[in-house]
Protein backbone atom coordinates (compact mmCIF):
# COMPACT_ATOMS: atom_id res chain seq x y z
CA MET A 1 1.85 95.35 -55.56
CA SER A 2 4.11 94.05 -58.32
CA ALA A 3 2.76 91.70 -60.98
CA PRO A 4 4.03 88.11 -60.93
CA VAL A 5 6.93 87.49 -63.27
CA LEU A 6 6.62 84.64 -65.74
CA VAL A 7 9.62 82.54 -66.66
CA ASN A 8 10.13 81.68 -70.31
CA ALA A 9 9.01 78.22 -71.30
CA VAL A 10 11.77 75.69 -71.96
CA ALA A 11 11.97 72.05 -73.01
CA PRO A 12 11.53 69.58 -70.13
CA VAL A 13 14.77 68.33 -68.59
CA THR A 14 14.47 64.89 -67.02
CA ARG A 15 16.73 62.16 -65.67
CA ARG A 16 14.66 58.98 -65.78
CA VAL A 17 11.26 57.51 -66.59
CA ARG A 18 8.99 56.00 -63.93
CA ALA A 19 6.68 53.17 -65.01
CA TYR A 20 3.25 52.37 -63.61
CA PHE A 21 0.94 49.62 -64.78
CA ALA A 22 -2.65 48.62 -64.06
CA PRO A 23 -4.56 45.52 -65.12
CA VAL A 24 -7.02 45.52 -67.99
CA ASN A 25 -10.29 43.73 -67.28
CA ARG A 26 -9.86 41.04 -69.91
CA ALA A 27 -13.40 39.70 -69.59
CA THR A 28 -14.95 43.07 -70.50
CA GLY A 29 -12.01 44.60 -72.38
CA THR A 30 -12.03 47.58 -70.01
CA PRO A 31 -8.67 49.34 -69.50
CA ALA A 32 -7.61 51.44 -66.52
CA VAL A 33 -8.29 55.13 -67.16
CA PHE A 34 -5.91 57.89 -66.10
CA ASP A 35 -7.15 61.48 -66.05
CA ALA A 36 -4.20 63.87 -66.00
CA ALA A 37 -6.56 66.76 -65.23
CA GLN A 38 -7.51 65.10 -61.94
CA SER A 39 -4.44 63.09 -60.95
CA GLY A 40 -1.55 64.31 -63.07
CA SER A 41 0.40 65.78 -60.14
CA PHE A 42 0.43 62.63 -57.99
CA ALA A 43 3.52 61.90 -55.89
CA LEU A 44 5.74 59.49 -57.80
CA ASN A 45 6.01 57.13 -54.83
CA ALA A 46 2.24 57.13 -54.20
CA ALA A 47 0.44 56.44 -57.46
CA PRO A 48 -3.37 56.58 -57.37
CA ALA A 49 -5.29 53.29 -57.46
CA PRO A 50 -5.25 51.05 -59.43
CA TRP A 51 -1.79 51.97 -60.70
CA ILE A 52 1.11 49.83 -59.51
CA ASP A 53 4.56 51.40 -59.27
CA LEU A 54 7.14 49.28 -61.09
CA GLY A 55 9.98 51.71 -60.49
CA TRP A 56 12.42 53.42 -62.79
CA CYS A 57 13.12 52.18 -66.27
CA THR A 58 15.79 52.87 -68.87
CA GLY A 59 15.92 52.77 -72.64
CA PHE A 60 12.39 54.14 -72.87
CA ALA A 61 11.48 54.60 -76.53
CA ARG A 62 8.19 55.44 -78.22
CA LYS A 63 7.65 54.83 -81.91
CA SER A 64 4.74 55.83 -84.08
CA ALA A 65 3.83 53.64 -87.04
CA THR A 66 0.72 55.63 -87.91
CA LYS A 67 0.45 56.17 -91.65
CA ILE A 68 -0.86 59.37 -93.19
CA GLU A 69 -1.95 59.28 -96.82
CA ALA A 70 -2.67 62.13 -99.19
CA LEU A 71 -5.99 62.16 -101.07
CA ARG A 72 -5.58 63.48 -104.59
CA THR A 73 -8.17 64.45 -107.18
CA GLY A 74 -8.17 65.92 -110.66
CA ALA A 75 -5.78 65.73 -113.57
CA PRO A 76 -3.08 66.45 -112.80
CA ALA A 77 -3.73 64.98 -109.36
CA VAL A 78 -3.61 67.56 -106.60
CA VAL A 79 -3.58 66.86 -102.88
CA GLN A 80 -6.91 67.95 -101.45
CA THR A 81 -6.66 66.59 -97.92
CA GLN A 82 -5.03 63.94 -95.76
CA VAL A 83 -6.30 60.88 -93.92
CA ARG A 84 -4.84 58.46 -91.41
CA SER A 85 -4.87 55.11 -93.13
CA GLU A 86 -3.35 53.14 -90.25
CA ILE A 87 -2.90 53.83 -86.53
CA GLU A 88 -0.15 52.02 -84.68
CA ALA A 89 2.34 52.77 -81.93
CA THR A 90 4.92 50.80 -79.97
CA VAL A 91 6.90 51.40 -76.79
CA SER A 92 9.97 49.64 -75.40
CA LEU A 93 11.94 49.85 -72.17
CA ALA A 94 14.17 48.01 -69.71
CA PHE A 95 13.10 47.58 -66.09
CA GLU A 96 15.61 48.52 -63.38
CA SER A 97 14.41 45.73 -61.07
CA TRP A 98 13.10 42.17 -61.24
CA GLY A 99 9.80 41.28 -59.63
CA LYS A 100 6.65 39.30 -60.32
CA LEU A 101 4.93 42.07 -62.30
CA GLN A 102 8.06 43.15 -64.16
CA MET A 103 8.60 39.55 -65.23
CA ALA A 104 4.96 39.20 -66.26
CA LEU A 105 5.19 42.29 -68.45
CA ALA A 106 8.47 41.24 -70.02
CA ALA A 107 7.41 37.60 -70.48
CA GLY A 108 4.80 38.16 -73.14
CA SER A 109 2.88 34.99 -72.28
CA GLN A 110 1.80 33.39 -68.98
CA GLN A 111 4.04 34.28 -66.05
CA MET A 112 3.76 31.24 -63.81
CA ASN A 113 4.49 30.52 -60.17
CA LEU A 114 6.82 27.66 -59.25
CA LEU A 115 4.49 26.18 -56.65
CA ALA A 116 6.03 23.97 -53.98
CA THR A 117 5.67 20.43 -55.29
CA ALA A 118 4.05 17.40 -53.72
CA ASN A 119 6.29 14.62 -52.43
CA GLY A 120 7.35 12.40 -55.30
CA ALA A 121 6.07 14.77 -58.00
CA ILE A 122 7.49 14.12 -61.47
CA ALA A 123 9.80 16.93 -62.60
CA ASN A 124 8.32 19.39 -65.10
CA GLY A 125 9.71 22.54 -66.72
CA SER A 126 7.10 24.87 -65.25
CA GLY A 127 6.82 22.95 -61.98
CA GLY A 128 5.52 19.51 -61.06
CA ILE A 129 2.27 18.63 -59.34
CA ALA A 130 1.82 21.11 -56.51
CA ALA A 131 1.50 20.32 -52.83
CA ALA A 132 -1.95 20.64 -51.30
CA PRO A 133 -2.92 24.28 -50.70
CA VAL A 134 -3.71 25.68 -47.26
CA PRO A 135 -7.23 27.05 -46.61
CA LEU A 136 -7.66 30.56 -45.28
CA ALA A 137 -9.68 31.27 -42.15
CA ALA A 138 -12.10 34.13 -41.65
CA GLY A 139 -10.56 37.50 -40.94
CA SER A 140 -7.79 37.29 -43.53
CA THR A 141 -6.89 40.61 -45.12
CA ALA A 142 -4.78 41.82 -48.02
CA THR A 143 -1.73 41.89 -45.72
CA SER A 144 -2.50 39.15 -43.19
CA LEU A 145 -3.46 35.55 -43.94
CA ASN A 146 -5.11 33.56 -41.16
CA VAL A 147 -4.10 29.91 -41.54
CA GLY A 148 -4.23 28.77 -37.90
CA ALA A 149 -2.03 25.81 -37.00
CA ALA A 150 -0.90 25.55 -40.63
CA THR A 151 1.63 28.31 -39.91
CA ALA A 152 3.97 25.45 -38.97
CA GLY A 153 4.33 24.75 -42.69
CA PHE A 154 5.54 28.27 -43.49
CA ASN A 155 8.70 30.23 -42.79
CA VAL A 156 9.46 33.93 -42.73
CA GLY A 157 10.67 34.80 -46.21
CA ASP A 158 8.39 32.37 -48.02
CA LEU A 159 6.71 33.50 -51.24
CA VAL A 160 3.00 32.71 -51.39
CA ALA A 161 0.24 32.75 -54.00
CA VAL A 162 -3.34 33.32 -52.88
CA ASP A 163 -6.21 32.48 -55.21
CA LEU A 164 -9.23 30.32 -55.89
CA ASP A 165 -9.16 26.63 -56.68
CA TYR A 166 -9.55 25.61 -60.29
CA THR A 167 -12.92 23.86 -60.52
CA GLY A 168 -13.44 23.52 -64.26
CA GLN A 169 -14.05 27.16 -65.15
CA VAL A 170 -13.20 28.31 -68.68
CA GLY A 171 -12.15 31.76 -69.81
CA PHE A 172 -9.92 34.25 -68.04
CA VAL A 173 -8.63 33.14 -64.63
CA GLY A 174 -6.72 34.88 -61.87
CA SER A 175 -7.92 37.25 -59.14
CA GLY A 176 -7.19 40.95 -59.51
CA VAL A 177 -5.27 40.37 -62.73
CA SER A 178 -6.08 37.80 -65.41
CA GLY A 179 -3.11 35.46 -65.54
CA ALA A 180 -4.24 33.10 -68.29
CA TYR A 181 -7.10 32.00 -70.49
CA VAL A 182 -8.37 28.45 -70.02
CA ALA A 183 -9.98 26.84 -73.06
CA SER A 184 -11.01 23.64 -71.28
CA ALA A 185 -10.46 21.74 -68.06
CA VAL A 186 -8.65 19.05 -70.02
CA ALA A 187 -6.10 21.58 -71.28
CA VAL A 188 -4.94 22.28 -67.71
CA ASN A 189 -5.35 18.69 -66.45
CA ASP A 190 -8.26 19.84 -64.29
CA ASP A 191 -5.54 20.88 -61.81
CA ILE A 192 -6.99 22.33 -58.61
CA ASN A 193 -3.87 24.51 -58.29
CA TYR A 194 -3.85 25.89 -61.85
CA VAL A 195 -5.26 29.32 -60.94
CA ARG A 196 -2.63 29.73 -58.22
CA ARG A 197 -0.01 28.57 -60.71
CA VAL A 198 -0.75 31.52 -63.04
CA SER A 199 -1.97 34.00 -60.42
CA LEU A 200 -0.34 37.40 -59.98
CA ASN A 201 -1.84 37.62 -56.49
CA VAL A 202 1.46 36.94 -54.72
CA SER A 203 3.46 38.36 -51.83
CA ARG A 204 6.21 37.46 -49.34
CA VAL A 205 5.81 36.40 -45.71
CA THR A 206 7.66 38.79 -43.39
CA ALA A 207 6.32 37.65 -40.01
CA ILE A 208 4.34 34.78 -38.49
CA ALA A 209 2.34 35.27 -35.32
CA ASN A 210 -0.93 34.15 -33.74
CA GLY A 211 -1.80 31.82 -36.57
CA ALA A 212 -1.37 34.46 -39.27
CA LEU A 213 1.11 35.11 -42.06
CA GLN A 214 2.03 38.79 -42.29
CA LEU A 215 2.84 39.92 -45.83
CA SER A 216 5.40 42.40 -47.10
CA ALA A 217 2.88 44.12 -49.38
CA ALA A 218 -0.85 44.03 -49.91
CA LEU A 219 -2.11 41.39 -52.31
CA PRO A 220 -3.00 42.98 -55.68
CA ALA A 221 -6.52 41.50 -55.51
CA GLY A 222 -7.14 42.90 -52.02
CA ALA A 223 -8.67 40.94 -49.15
CA PRO A 224 -9.00 37.24 -50.03
CA ALA A 225 -12.40 36.15 -51.28
CA THR A 226 -14.27 33.19 -49.84
CA GLY A 227 -12.79 29.95 -51.11
CA MET A 228 -9.28 31.24 -51.73
CA GLN A 229 -6.35 29.13 -50.55
CA VAL A 230 -2.63 29.79 -50.19
CA SER A 231 0.29 27.92 -51.75
CA ARG A 232 4.01 28.33 -51.16
CA LEU A 233 6.19 28.94 -54.17
CA ALA A 234 9.91 28.90 -54.92
CA GLY A 235 9.90 31.59 -57.59
CA PHE A 236 8.56 32.36 -61.03
CA VAL A 237 8.86 30.89 -64.51
CA ASP A 238 7.91 32.04 -68.00
CA ARG A 239 8.18 30.28 -71.32
CA GLU A 240 9.13 30.96 -74.90
CA GLY A 241 5.93 30.29 -76.79
CA GLY A 242 2.34 29.79 -75.78
CA SER A 243 -0.89 31.38 -76.99
CA TRP A 244 -1.58 33.86 -74.17
CA PHE A 245 -0.86 37.59 -74.40
CA GLN A 246 -0.57 39.80 -71.36
CA GLU A 247 -2.52 43.08 -71.59
CA TRP A 248 -2.02 46.07 -69.31
CA SER A 249 -2.69 49.78 -69.05
CA ALA A 250 0.47 51.84 -68.60
CA LEU A 251 1.69 55.22 -67.41
CA PHE A 252 5.18 56.51 -68.08
CA VAL A 253 6.12 59.66 -66.19
CA MET A 254 9.03 61.98 -66.94
CA GLN A 255 9.49 64.32 -63.99
CA GLY A 256 11.10 67.57 -65.12
CA GLU A 257 13.93 69.05 -63.07
CA GLN A 258 12.22 72.44 -63.29
CA GLY A 259 8.87 71.31 -61.91
CA ASP A 260 7.13 70.30 -65.11
CA ARG A 261 5.97 66.78 -65.97
CA VAL A 262 5.35 64.72 -69.10
CA ILE A 263 2.97 61.76 -68.86
CA TYR A 264 2.36 59.09 -71.47
CA HIS A 265 -0.81 57.08 -70.91
CA TYR A 266 -1.29 53.91 -72.93
CA PRO A 267 -4.73 52.46 -72.07
CA ARG A 268 -3.94 49.09 -73.68
CA LEU A 269 -0.54 47.52 -74.23
CA GLN A 270 0.21 43.98 -75.34
CA PRO A 271 3.73 42.54 -75.61
CA MET A 272 5.21 42.31 -79.09
CA GLN A 273 8.16 40.11 -78.13
CA SER A 274 8.79 37.12 -75.91
CA ALA A 275 10.88 37.14 -72.73
CA ALA A 276 14.14 39.01 -73.24
CA GLU A 277 16.94 40.53 -71.19
CA SER A 278 19.81 42.92 -71.71
CA ALA A 279 23.20 42.84 -70.00
CA GLU A 280 24.99 45.92 -68.70
CA VAL A 281 28.63 45.67 -67.64
CA LEU A 282 29.11 46.96 -64.09
CA ALA A 283 32.77 46.27 -63.35
CA GLY A 284 35.20 43.61 -64.45
CA THR A 285 33.24 40.47 -65.20
CA LEU A 286 30.14 41.61 -63.30
CA GLU A 287 27.07 42.22 -65.42
CA GLN A 288 23.63 43.48 -64.46
CA ILE A 289 20.81 41.67 -66.25
CA ARG A 290 17.75 43.78 -66.98
CA LEU A 291 14.33 42.67 -68.13
CA THR A 292 13.39 44.26 -71.43
CA GLY A 293 9.90 44.68 -72.80
CA ALA A 294 8.44 45.83 -76.10
CA PHE A 295 4.75 46.52 -76.44
CA ARG A 296 2.20 47.30 -79.12
CA ALA A 297 -0.50 49.82 -78.26
CA LEU A 298 -4.11 48.80 -78.89
CA PRO A 299 -6.92 51.29 -79.51
CA VAL A 300 -9.57 52.83 -77.29
CA LYS A 301 -12.32 55.39 -77.93
CA ASP A 302 -11.92 58.81 -76.33
CA ALA A 303 -15.15 59.51 -74.46
CA ASN A 304 -14.96 63.22 -75.30
CA ASP A 305 -15.33 62.85 -79.07
CA GLY A 306 -15.31 59.17 -79.98
CA GLU A 307 -11.93 59.34 -81.70
CA THR A 308 -9.85 56.16 -81.93
CA VAL A 309 -6.51 56.64 -80.15
CA VAL A 310 -3.71 54.51 -78.72
CA CYS A 311 -1.88 56.96 -76.43
CA PHE A 312 -2.50 60.16 -74.49
CA ARG A 313 0.47 62.50 -73.96
CA SER A 314 -0.02 65.07 -71.19
CA TYR A 315 2.23 67.98 -70.26
CA LEU A 316 1.92 69.73 -66.92
CA PRO A 317 3.92 72.99 -67.08
CA ALA A 318 5.93 74.14 -64.09
CA ALA A 319 4.49 76.96 -62.00
CA MET A 320 4.77 80.45 -63.50
CA ARG A 321 6.10 79.23 -66.83
CA SER A 322 4.96 80.96 -69.99
CA VAL A 323 2.59 78.97 -72.14
């Protein structure tokens, strides 16, 4: 029986970068953890929970700003060792598609929902006073919202936000993903719809039957909790300014053409710029507008040795490649 033949190792050859993000628990400061030893070979179109596939991205660039200093002793001074005096890293990219989560990541601050307004509402840049929300009945799931006779107020194609009422709570708000930080009820006008206004728990209605709204994709927060209500929305809005910073865990995957894979895991990323876009000429006067994001990596402790790190780079060699 002949021995298996190894192929010489080569540099990875890749076409594009796939981006996946997962929410950080802002209340506890706990990021999403990715273990490449356990899940590194996942199918690109079926990321493991809680990672959300945000599609392909372009212009992916990583930059290290970590500073290494030499320690010198004696006369004349001689380098004896080195230390890291500062740890910092940034990453930037452009998303290939626009969606709620892509806009939230590129916005930098709150990414708000343009809730359907009440009759006679005074115009406002991020949306006027919202119409009354619709309560959910028992049996609602992450993909089906039971609203009974209230289906008459919805149409196939509607965008909806599903979340709790604002009842004076302070701190991080938003189910599944923290969408904002509320300092006081006065700051948000004690608005019952404020949580739904900043919620990332949104989807689109694709069918209406038997008193239920069927959704195009599962709500990020899963099955609605008791007390949640649903509001229609026209779209999304973000703002230049504000005090809130989004924070997410991120995976960037480069799939090699020869079967290998490079994975960059950033446990904590915060935006380092406000909402921005880039234009790419398609043909003639047609331009494609892409959302661009730039992020600063924040530190975590590696459970294996307690080291402070901001990124994990994993390489999964192709089968039968020399190492």
